[in-house]
Every structure is written in C-alpha cells, then in structure tokens.
Amino acid sequence: MMSLKDKVAFITGSAQGIGKSIAETFAKAGANIVISDINLELAEQTAQEIQKLGVKVLAVKSNVADPADAEAGIAKAVETFGRIDILVNNAGITRDTLFVRMKKEDWDLVLSINLTGVFNMCKPVSALMMKQRSGKIINIASIVGEMGNFGQANYAASKAGVIGLTKTLARELAPRGVTVNAIAPGFIQTAMTDKIPAEVKQKMQDQIPLGKLGQPADVAAAALFLASGSADYITGQVINVNGGMLMNT
C-alpha cells in the first residue's frame, strides 16, 4: 500500500460517505486525520472509529460555506498537528430540480458549499502549503461537472467551477511544490443514491460500461494515489472514477 505515514490529512465532509472512506483509507496508509463536518456529533463518532486504526484523529465542526468557520477548523488542525500536508475538499450537497423550477436560494446554497466552500478552504491552506513548500490538494468534482446532467444545473455548475479552480491553482501553486488535482466520480453507491428508485438506478447502471455503480472505496483509492509520493509529478489533472461512463480524449 502507498504510504502516508505521519502526514496530516484534512478532509471536509468526512463524517460519512465518500469522505469517510477517504479518511479510513488515508489512516490505513499511516496519515493522521482531521475529520471535518458540519455535523460534529457524527464527526466525533467517525473519529473514534478511525482512531482504532492506530493514528491520531481530530474532529472539527466546520461549515465550509462560512470563511470564518473554515479558517477556525484549519487553525485548530494546525494547533493540534503543526501542519497540513493533504487537503481533500469533499463537502458537497445537491438540491436537484429542473432549471426552470430552480429557486434562487437552492442555486446559491449549492454554489456556496460546493464551489465557494472549496475557495474558503484552499485560500488559507494553500498559504500554509506554500510556506511548507509542499502539499497536496485534492478536490472532489463530479462527472456532471464535465458532461452536465438533467435536473442538476446548480450541482453541475458548481462542480465545473471546481475543475476550473483546480487547474488554475495547480498552475499558481506548482512553483512552491504544491500539487492540485481533482477527482470526478461517476455514480457512486452512497446513502444519497440508495434513495433513488430502483428503475432510475437501473437506467443509471445501463449507461456505465462496467455495468455497476462505483463504491466510495473506488474514489478513496484514487485519492490515496494523488495524495501519495507516487503522484508527485501530477498536477492540474481530473481523474475520472466513473466505470467508463465518460471517456475523455
């Protein structure tokens, strides 16, 4: 397994789902973990589980849409561990509906968390990493940010923005030894997709050449690679984890 021994990884939205899987995978590779989530009680439960893997874990309550809240969580992590080596921007929400029915507040809410939240985290963390002259930033985008999706104008726009931000930061931070990449998951089996009606889920699977939904562990494996020394010469890239549903040239 790729080693992250003694690295410090800050993962947003990591109390459950894909974020939790990333945290567990990083911990198994030896990283100390910051579980950041708006739900502190659930974050603390997850932290207790991950501590059993033999690493140090800190749980922080953080609303990434609030710059002051995001900075407070980062400051607590630095106070505890002294540094942040890896930032995974995973926190995100959906508010799906047809564009003609979409309320302005649902547009604003999704953009504030999914895109502005990445800005709010990257701003202070990139400054820390530039001083360290090392660091890895991994932004969780989405396949719909590359191809669009019916009823997800706000979500698709937010994730497309994350991809553009990733590529720009990769160019700006590279001279200081900091890499910035994105992962674009396809349809991943989570609590969110479990709520989808069976017939709709089957139609989703029919679009995937591998014939099945992905698992959170599939995304976590890609994140581990990007966080490891094996990806030191990779920056500004979008790694698709989608079972072949979208194949870029």
Protein backbone atom coordinates (compact mmCIF):
# COMPACT_ATOMS: atom_id res chain seq x y z
CA MET A 1 0.00 0.00 0.00
CA MET A 2 1.14 3.57 -0.71
CA SER A 3 2.38 5.21 2.48
CA LEU A 4 1.18 8.46 4.02
CA LYS A 5 2.98 7.79 7.28
CA ASP A 6 2.99 10.82 9.62
CA LYS A 7 1.26 13.05 7.05
CA VAL A 8 -1.66 15.19 8.21
CA ALA A 9 -4.80 15.00 6.06
CA PHE A 10 -7.71 17.42 6.44
CA ILE A 11 -10.86 16.04 4.80
CA THR A 12 -14.07 18.05 4.58
CA GLY A 13 -17.46 16.37 4.75
CA SER A 14 -15.77 13.26 6.09
CA ALA A 15 -18.14 12.08 8.80
CA GLN A 16 -19.81 9.72 6.34
CA GLY A 17 -19.95 8.55 2.72
CA ILE A 18 -17.09 9.13 0.32
CA GLY A 19 -15.29 11.46 2.73
CA LYS A 20 -15.32 8.84 5.47
CA SER A 21 -13.98 6.22 3.08
CA ILE A 22 -11.14 8.55 2.10
CA ALA A 23 -10.35 9.20 5.77
CA GLU A 24 -10.25 5.47 6.54
CA THR A 25 -8.05 4.75 3.52
CA PHE A 26 -5.62 7.52 4.41
CA ALA A 27 -5.49 6.35 8.03
CA LYS A 28 -4.67 2.80 6.94
CA ALA A 29 -1.79 4.31 4.95
CA GLY A 30 -0.49 5.96 8.14
CA ALA A 31 -1.84 9.52 7.93
CA ASN A 32 -3.15 11.46 10.90
CA ILE A 33 -6.65 12.63 10.09
CA VAL A 34 -8.81 15.71 10.59
CA ILE A 35 -12.48 14.78 10.27
CA SER A 36 -14.24 18.00 9.28
CA ASP A 37 -18.02 18.07 9.03
CA ILE A 38 -20.94 20.33 9.79
CA ASN A 39 -22.32 17.52 11.98
CA LEU A 40 -19.89 17.47 14.92
CA GLU A 41 -21.56 14.54 16.71
CA LEU A 42 -21.24 12.31 13.65
CA ALA A 43 -17.69 13.58 13.03
CA GLU A 44 -16.69 12.59 16.56
CA GLN A 45 -18.18 9.11 16.09
CA THR A 46 -16.22 8.67 12.87
CA ALA A 47 -13.06 9.95 14.55
CA GLN A 48 -13.43 7.34 17.31
CA GLU A 49 -13.75 4.60 14.68
CA ILE A 50 -10.69 5.74 12.75
CA GLN A 51 -8.57 6.09 15.89
CA LYS A 52 -8.75 2.31 16.18
CA LEU A 53 -6.54 2.16 13.09
CA GLY A 54 -3.65 3.47 15.21
CA VAL A 55 -3.41 7.07 14.03
CA LYS A 56 -4.20 10.43 15.61
CA VAL A 57 -7.61 11.84 14.70
CA LEU A 58 -9.18 15.24 15.32
CA ALA A 59 -12.86 16.01 14.76
CA VAL A 60 -13.82 19.61 13.97
CA LYS A 61 -17.18 21.21 13.25
CA SER A 62 -16.86 23.27 10.12
CA ASN A 63 -19.28 24.88 7.69
CA VAL A 64 -17.12 25.36 4.61
CA ALA A 65 -19.54 27.96 3.23
CA ASP A 66 -18.56 30.27 6.12
CA PRO A 67 -14.99 31.61 5.66
CA ALA A 68 -14.53 32.27 9.38
CA ASP A 69 -15.76 28.79 10.28
CA ALA A 70 -13.50 27.17 7.68
CA GLU A 71 -10.47 29.09 8.94
CA ALA A 72 -11.27 28.20 12.55
CA GLY A 73 -11.25 24.49 11.70
CA ILE A 74 -7.95 24.84 9.86
CA ALA A 75 -6.43 26.77 12.78
CA LYS A 76 -7.48 24.03 15.21
CA ALA A 77 -5.90 21.39 12.98
CA VAL A 78 -2.63 23.33 12.78
CA GLU A 79 -2.68 23.90 16.54
CA THR A 80 -3.08 20.15 17.06
CA PHE A 81 -0.76 18.74 14.40
CA GLY A 82 1.51 21.65 13.46
CA ARG A 83 0.86 21.36 9.73
CA ILE A 84 -1.50 20.20 6.98
CA ASP A 85 0.04 18.06 4.25
CA ILE A 86 -3.10 16.99 2.41
CA LEU A 87 -6.41 18.78 1.91
CA VAL A 88 -9.36 16.91 0.43
CA ASN A 89 -12.31 19.15 -0.42
CA ASN A 90 -15.13 16.64 -0.34
CA ALA A 91 -18.04 18.50 1.32
CA GLY A 92 -20.96 18.95 -1.02
CA ILE A 93 -24.75 18.95 -1.35
CA THR A 94 -27.43 18.64 -4.03
CA ARG A 95 -30.72 20.45 -4.49
CA ASP A 96 -31.98 18.86 -7.70
CA THR A 97 -34.82 20.11 -9.87
CA LEU A 98 -35.42 21.27 -13.43
CA PHE A 99 -33.69 24.56 -14.16
CA VAL A 100 -36.98 26.36 -14.94
CA ARG A 101 -38.22 25.40 -11.45
CA MET A 102 -34.99 26.04 -9.59
CA LYS A 103 -35.21 28.55 -6.78
CA LYS A 104 -32.50 31.16 -6.44
CA GLU A 105 -31.84 30.06 -2.85
CA ASP A 106 -31.17 26.49 -4.00
CA TRP A 107 -28.75 27.76 -6.65
CA ASP A 108 -26.97 29.93 -4.09
CA LEU A 109 -26.82 27.20 -1.43
CA VAL A 110 -25.27 24.58 -3.70
CA LEU A 111 -22.71 27.03 -5.12
CA SER A 112 -21.86 28.36 -1.65
CA ILE A 113 -20.93 24.91 -0.33
CA ASN A 114 -19.70 23.05 -3.40
CA LEU A 115 -17.64 25.82 -5.01
CA THR A 116 -17.19 28.75 -2.62
CA GLY A 117 -16.54 26.20 0.14
CA VAL A 118 -13.54 24.92 -1.85
CA PHE A 119 -12.30 28.51 -2.19
CA ASN A 120 -12.75 29.09 1.56
CA MET A 121 -10.64 26.01 2.37
CA CYS A 122 -7.99 26.40 -0.32
CA LYS A 123 -7.25 30.06 0.48
CA PRO A 124 -5.73 29.54 3.96
CA VAL A 125 -4.43 26.01 3.33
CA SER A 126 -2.59 26.98 0.15
CA ALA A 127 -0.82 29.73 2.10
CA LEU A 128 0.31 27.14 4.67
CA MET A 129 1.47 24.72 1.99
CA MET A 130 3.37 27.41 0.09
CA LYS A 131 5.32 28.19 3.27
CA GLN A 132 5.98 24.46 3.73
CA ARG A 133 6.92 24.23 0.04
CA SER A 134 4.97 21.01 -0.13
CA GLY A 135 1.39 19.82 -0.06
CA LYS A 136 -1.40 18.05 -1.91
CA ILE A 137 -4.83 19.49 -2.59
CA ILE A 138 -7.47 17.09 -3.91
CA ASN A 139 -10.84 18.49 -4.93
CA ILE A 140 -13.81 16.16 -5.34
CA ALA A 141 -15.61 17.27 -8.50
CA SER A 142 -18.14 15.13 -10.41
CA ILE A 143 -18.83 13.59 -13.79
CA VAL A 144 -21.74 16.02 -14.13
CA GLY A 145 -19.29 18.92 -13.99
CA GLU A 146 -17.85 17.57 -17.24
CA MET A 147 -20.98 16.39 -19.08
CA GLY A 148 -23.94 18.07 -17.38
CA ASN A 149 -26.98 16.24 -16.01
CA PHE A 150 -30.74 16.62 -16.27
CA GLY A 151 -32.12 18.44 -13.23
CA GLN A 152 -28.71 19.36 -11.80
CA ALA A 153 -27.87 22.76 -13.25
CA ASN A 154 -26.67 24.12 -9.89
CA TYR A 155 -24.67 21.00 -8.99
CA ALA A 156 -23.12 20.69 -12.47
CA ALA A 157 -22.16 24.36 -12.49
CA SER A 158 -20.56 24.08 -9.04
CA LYS A 159 -18.51 21.03 -9.99
CA ALA A 160 -17.44 22.52 -13.33
CA GLY A 161 -16.25 25.50 -11.32
CA VAL A 162 -14.27 23.20 -9.04
CA ILE A 163 -12.49 21.77 -12.09
CA GLY A 164 -11.58 25.24 -13.36
CA LEU A 165 -10.39 26.31 -9.92
CA THR A 166 -8.30 23.14 -9.64
CA LYS A 167 -6.45 23.79 -12.89
CA THR A 168 -5.78 27.43 -12.05
CA LEU A 169 -4.49 26.66 -8.55
CA ALA A 170 -2.31 23.90 -9.98
CA ARG A 171 -0.54 26.47 -12.16
CA GLU A 172 -0.21 29.05 -9.39
CA LEU A 173 0.99 26.71 -6.63
CA ALA A 174 3.30 24.43 -8.62
CA PRO A 175 6.39 26.68 -8.20
CA ARG A 176 6.10 26.13 -4.42
CA GLY A 177 5.91 22.35 -4.68
CA VAL A 178 2.15 22.09 -4.12
CA THR A 179 0.06 19.88 -6.40
CA VAL A 180 -3.65 20.38 -7.02
CA ASN A 181 -5.80 17.73 -8.69
CA ALA A 182 -9.47 16.80 -8.90
CA ILE A 183 -11.36 13.53 -8.84
CA ALA A 184 -14.59 13.34 -10.83
CA PRO A 185 -16.66 10.42 -9.54
CA GLY A 186 -19.47 9.00 -11.62
CA PHE A 187 -22.44 7.34 -9.97
CA ILE A 188 -21.19 6.10 -6.60
CA GLN A 189 -23.27 3.97 -4.24
CA THR A 190 -23.88 6.11 -1.16
CA ALA A 191 -26.78 6.96 1.15
CA MET A 192 -27.78 9.53 -1.47
CA THR A 193 -28.01 7.03 -4.34
CA ASP A 194 -29.69 4.45 -2.08
CA LYS A 195 -32.75 6.72 -2.06
CA ILE A 196 -33.06 6.62 -5.86
CA PRO A 197 -35.92 4.43 -7.16
CA ALA A 198 -34.78 1.04 -8.46
CA GLU A 199 -35.87 1.71 -12.05
CA VAL A 200 -33.96 5.00 -12.15
CA LYS A 201 -30.89 3.34 -10.67
CA GLN A 202 -31.07 0.63 -13.33
CA LYS A 203 -31.13 3.27 -16.06
CA MET A 204 -28.02 4.82 -14.49
CA GLN A 205 -26.24 1.47 -14.48
CA ASP A 206 -27.17 0.90 -18.12
CA GLN A 207 -25.08 3.95 -19.04
CA ILE A 208 -21.95 2.54 -17.35
CA PRO A 209 -19.75 0.21 -19.45
CA LEU A 210 -18.65 -1.69 -16.32
CA GLY A 211 -22.34 -2.27 -15.56
CA LYS A 212 -22.39 -1.25 -11.90
CA LEU A 213 -22.29 1.74 -9.58
CA GLY A 214 -18.94 2.63 -8.07
CA GLN A 215 -18.15 2.31 -4.37
CA PRO A 216 -16.77 5.02 -2.04
CA ALA A 217 -13.60 2.89 -1.81
CA ASP A 218 -13.04 3.39 -5.55
CA VAL A 219 -12.88 7.16 -5.06
CA ALA A 220 -10.74 6.74 -1.94
CA ALA A 221 -8.21 4.64 -3.87
CA ALA A 222 -7.79 7.43 -6.43
CA ALA A 223 -7.42 9.98 -3.64
CA LEU A 224 -4.75 7.86 -1.95
CA PHE A 225 -2.75 7.74 -5.18
CA LEU A 226 -2.96 11.52 -5.65
CA ALA A 227 -2.01 12.12 -2.00
CA SER A 228 0.99 9.80 -2.16
CA GLY A 229 4.52 10.33 -3.39
CA SER A 230 3.62 8.30 -6.47
CA ALA A 231 1.74 11.34 -7.81
CA ASP A 232 4.39 13.99 -7.10
CA TYR A 233 4.68 14.85 -10.82
CA ILE A 234 0.94 15.01 -11.41
CA THR A 235 -0.89 18.31 -11.09
CA GLY A 236 -3.82 20.08 -12.71
CA GLN A 237 -5.48 16.80 -13.66
CA VAL A 238 -9.03 15.49 -13.39
CA ILE A 239 -9.07 11.78 -12.53
CA ASN A 240 -12.33 10.20 -13.67
CA VAL A 241 -13.68 7.40 -11.48
CA ASN A 242 -16.83 6.50 -13.39
CA GLY A 243 -16.72 2.93 -14.71
CA GLY A 244 -16.19 4.22 -18.25
CA MET A 245 -19.37 6.31 -18.34
CA LEU A 246 -17.38 9.29 -19.66
CA MET A 247 -14.14 8.78 -21.56
CA ASN A 248 -12.14 11.94 -22.20
CA THR A 249 -9.62 12.19 -25.02
